[in-house]
Amino acid sequence: MTDRQYELGAAELEVLTILWDHSPCTVRQVHEHLHKVGRRPAYTTVLTHLTRLEQKGVARSNKAGIA
């Protein structure tokens, strides 16, 4: 097995923590959780973070159906 090292930014780690605590989540649900804790990122920023986490292999998505 290969050891992988990931460099995650603070915002990516915050999004990943939300996924750990509330998974599965849509982009909108992650966005709403961030707003509840006082963060105000744009929806597209949250989408970008989730896309990057998926590219790094630490999250995955299901694009079936309507979000």
N, C-alpha and C. Protein backbone atom coordinates (compact mmCIF):
# COMPACT_ATOMS: atom_id res chain seq x y z
N MET A 1 0.85 -1.18 0.00
CA MET A 1 0.00 0.00 0.00
C MET A 1 0.89 1.24 0.00
N THR A 2 0.51 2.21 -0.77
CA THR A 2 1.28 3.44 -0.90
C THR A 2 0.81 4.46 0.13
N ASP A 3 1.77 5.06 0.85
CA ASP A 3 1.43 6.15 1.75
C ASP A 3 1.27 7.41 0.93
N ARG A 4 0.14 8.06 1.11
CA ARG A 4 -0.11 9.30 0.38
C ARG A 4 -0.06 10.45 1.36
N GLN A 5 0.53 11.52 0.94
CA GLN A 5 0.58 12.73 1.74
C GLN A 5 -0.22 13.80 1.01
N TYR A 6 -1.13 14.41 1.73
CA TYR A 6 -1.97 15.44 1.14
C TYR A 6 -1.70 16.76 1.84
N GLU A 7 -1.59 17.78 1.06
CA GLU A 7 -1.51 19.11 1.63
C GLU A 7 -2.89 19.73 1.49
N LEU A 8 -3.54 19.91 2.61
CA LEU A 8 -4.87 20.50 2.61
C LEU A 8 -4.80 21.88 3.22
N GLY A 9 -5.45 22.82 2.56
CA GLY A 9 -5.54 24.16 3.11
C GLY A 9 -6.54 24.18 4.25
N ALA A 10 -6.56 25.27 4.99
CA ALA A 10 -7.47 25.40 6.13
C ALA A 10 -8.93 25.27 5.69
N ALA A 11 -9.28 25.89 4.57
CA ALA A 11 -10.67 25.84 4.09
C ALA A 11 -11.03 24.42 3.65
N GLU A 12 -10.10 23.74 2.97
CA GLU A 12 -10.37 22.35 2.56
C GLU A 12 -10.55 21.46 3.77
N LEU A 13 -9.74 21.66 4.80
CA LEU A 13 -9.86 20.86 6.01
C LEU A 13 -11.19 21.12 6.70
N GLU A 14 -11.64 22.37 6.68
CA GLU A 14 -12.93 22.71 7.27
C GLU A 14 -14.07 22.02 6.53
N VAL A 15 -14.01 22.00 5.21
CA VAL A 15 -15.02 21.33 4.39
C VAL A 15 -14.97 19.82 4.65
N LEU A 16 -13.78 19.25 4.72
CA LEU A 16 -13.63 17.83 4.97
C LEU A 16 -14.19 17.46 6.35
N THR A 17 -13.99 18.31 7.33
CA THR A 17 -14.53 18.07 8.67
C THR A 17 -16.05 18.03 8.63
N ILE A 18 -16.66 18.92 7.86
CA ILE A 18 -18.12 18.91 7.71
C ILE A 18 -18.56 17.59 7.09
N LEU A 19 -17.84 17.13 6.09
CA LEU A 19 -18.19 15.85 5.47
C LEU A 19 -18.07 14.70 6.46
N TRP A 20 -17.03 14.71 7.28
CA TRP A 20 -16.86 13.66 8.28
C TRP A 20 -18.03 13.65 9.26
N ASP A 21 -18.46 14.85 9.68
CA ASP A 21 -19.51 14.96 10.70
C ASP A 21 -20.92 14.77 10.16
N HIS A 22 -21.16 15.09 8.88
CA HIS A 22 -22.53 15.13 8.36
C HIS A 22 -22.72 14.36 7.05
N SER A 23 -21.78 13.54 6.69
CA SER A 23 -21.81 12.86 5.39
C SER A 23 -23.00 11.92 5.28
N PRO A 24 -23.58 11.77 4.12
CA PRO A 24 -23.29 12.45 2.86
C PRO A 24 -23.93 13.83 2.82
N CYS A 25 -23.33 14.72 2.08
CA CYS A 25 -23.82 16.10 1.95
C CYS A 25 -23.77 16.55 0.51
N THR A 26 -24.71 17.39 0.16
CA THR A 26 -24.64 18.08 -1.14
C THR A 26 -23.77 19.32 -0.96
N VAL A 27 -23.41 19.94 -2.06
CA VAL A 27 -22.65 21.18 -1.99
C VAL A 27 -23.43 22.22 -1.20
N ARG A 28 -24.72 22.29 -1.45
CA ARG A 28 -25.57 23.26 -0.75
C ARG A 28 -25.57 23.00 0.76
N GLN A 29 -25.61 21.75 1.17
CA GLN A 29 -25.61 21.44 2.60
C GLN A 29 -24.28 21.84 3.26
N VAL A 30 -23.17 21.58 2.58
CA VAL A 30 -21.87 22.01 3.10
C VAL A 30 -21.84 23.53 3.20
N HIS A 31 -22.33 24.20 2.18
CA HIS A 31 -22.40 25.67 2.16
C HIS A 31 -23.21 26.18 3.35
N GLU A 32 -24.35 25.55 3.63
CA GLU A 32 -25.21 25.96 4.75
C GLU A 32 -24.52 25.72 6.09
N HIS A 33 -23.81 24.60 6.24
CA HIS A 33 -23.07 24.32 7.48
C HIS A 33 -22.00 25.39 7.72
N LEU A 34 -21.33 25.80 6.66
CA LEU A 34 -20.31 26.84 6.80
C LEU A 34 -20.95 28.16 7.25
N HIS A 35 -22.12 28.46 6.71
CA HIS A 35 -22.81 29.69 7.11
C HIS A 35 -23.22 29.64 8.57
N LYS A 36 -23.60 28.45 9.06
CA LYS A 36 -24.01 28.31 10.46
C LYS A 36 -22.87 28.60 11.43
N VAL A 37 -21.63 28.37 11.00
CA VAL A 37 -20.49 28.62 11.88
C VAL A 37 -19.84 29.97 11.59
N GLY A 38 -20.51 30.80 10.82
CA GLY A 38 -20.05 32.16 10.60
C GLY A 38 -19.17 32.38 9.38
N ARG A 39 -18.92 31.35 8.61
CA ARG A 39 -18.12 31.50 7.38
C ARG A 39 -19.09 31.84 6.26
N ARG A 40 -18.67 32.67 5.32
CA ARG A 40 -19.54 33.11 4.24
C ARG A 40 -18.90 32.93 2.86
N PRO A 41 -18.45 31.70 2.53
CA PRO A 41 -17.88 31.51 1.19
C PRO A 41 -19.00 31.47 0.15
N ALA A 42 -18.65 31.78 -1.07
CA ALA A 42 -19.60 31.66 -2.18
C ALA A 42 -19.86 30.18 -2.44
N TYR A 43 -21.02 29.88 -2.97
CA TYR A 43 -21.38 28.51 -3.32
C TYR A 43 -20.34 27.89 -4.24
N THR A 44 -19.88 28.67 -5.22
CA THR A 44 -18.90 28.14 -6.18
C THR A 44 -17.55 27.86 -5.51
N THR A 45 -17.22 28.59 -4.46
CA THR A 45 -15.99 28.33 -3.72
C THR A 45 -16.08 26.99 -3.01
N VAL A 46 -17.22 26.71 -2.40
CA VAL A 46 -17.43 25.41 -1.75
C VAL A 46 -17.34 24.29 -2.78
N LEU A 47 -17.95 24.50 -3.93
CA LEU A 47 -17.88 23.51 -5.01
C LEU A 47 -16.44 23.27 -5.43
N THR A 48 -15.65 24.32 -5.53
CA THR A 48 -14.23 24.19 -5.89
C THR A 48 -13.48 23.38 -4.84
N HIS A 49 -13.73 23.66 -3.56
CA HIS A 49 -13.06 22.91 -2.50
C HIS A 49 -13.42 21.43 -2.57
N LEU A 50 -14.69 21.13 -2.78
CA LEU A 50 -15.12 19.74 -2.88
C LEU A 50 -14.52 19.04 -4.09
N THR A 51 -14.43 19.75 -5.20
CA THR A 51 -13.81 19.20 -6.40
C THR A 51 -12.34 18.88 -6.16
N ARG A 52 -11.64 19.78 -5.50
CA ARG A 52 -10.22 19.55 -5.20
C ARG A 52 -10.03 18.39 -4.24
N LEU A 53 -10.91 18.28 -3.24
CA LEU A 53 -10.82 17.16 -2.31
C LEU A 53 -11.05 15.83 -3.04
N GLU A 54 -11.96 15.84 -4.00
CA GLU A 54 -12.20 14.64 -4.80
C GLU A 54 -10.97 14.32 -5.66
N GLN A 55 -10.37 15.33 -6.26
CA GLN A 55 -9.17 15.11 -7.08
C GLN A 55 -8.01 14.57 -6.26
N LYS A 56 -7.93 14.98 -5.00
CA LYS A 56 -6.87 14.49 -4.12
C LYS A 56 -7.17 13.09 -3.58
N GLY A 57 -8.40 12.62 -3.81
CA GLY A 57 -8.77 11.28 -3.40
C GLY A 57 -9.22 11.16 -1.95
N VAL A 58 -9.53 12.26 -1.30
CA VAL A 58 -9.97 12.20 0.09
C VAL A 58 -11.48 12.35 0.24
N ALA A 59 -12.16 12.60 -0.86
CA ALA A 59 -13.62 12.68 -0.88
C ALA A 59 -14.08 12.14 -2.23
N ARG A 60 -15.34 11.77 -2.29
CA ARG A 60 -15.88 11.33 -3.57
C ARG A 60 -17.28 11.91 -3.74
N SER A 61 -17.73 11.90 -4.96
CA SER A 61 -19.03 12.51 -5.24
C SER A 61 -19.92 11.53 -6.01
N ASN A 62 -21.19 11.82 -5.95
CA ASN A 62 -22.19 11.06 -6.69
C ASN A 62 -22.99 12.10 -7.47
N LYS A 63 -22.79 12.12 -8.77
CA LYS A 63 -23.43 13.13 -9.60
C LYS A 63 -24.72 12.63 -10.23
N ALA A 64 -25.26 11.54 -9.71
CA ALA A 64 -26.51 10.99 -10.23
C ALA A 64 -27.70 11.80 -9.71
N GLY A 65 -28.64 12.06 -10.57
CA GLY A 65 -29.85 12.75 -10.17
C GLY A 65 -29.65 14.24 -9.97
N ILE A 66 -30.68 14.87 -9.44
CA ILE A 66 -30.67 16.30 -9.19
C ILE A 66 -30.11 16.53 -7.80
N ALA A 67 -29.22 17.48 -7.68
CA ALA A 67 -28.58 17.76 -6.38
C ALA A 67 -29.59 18.34 -5.41
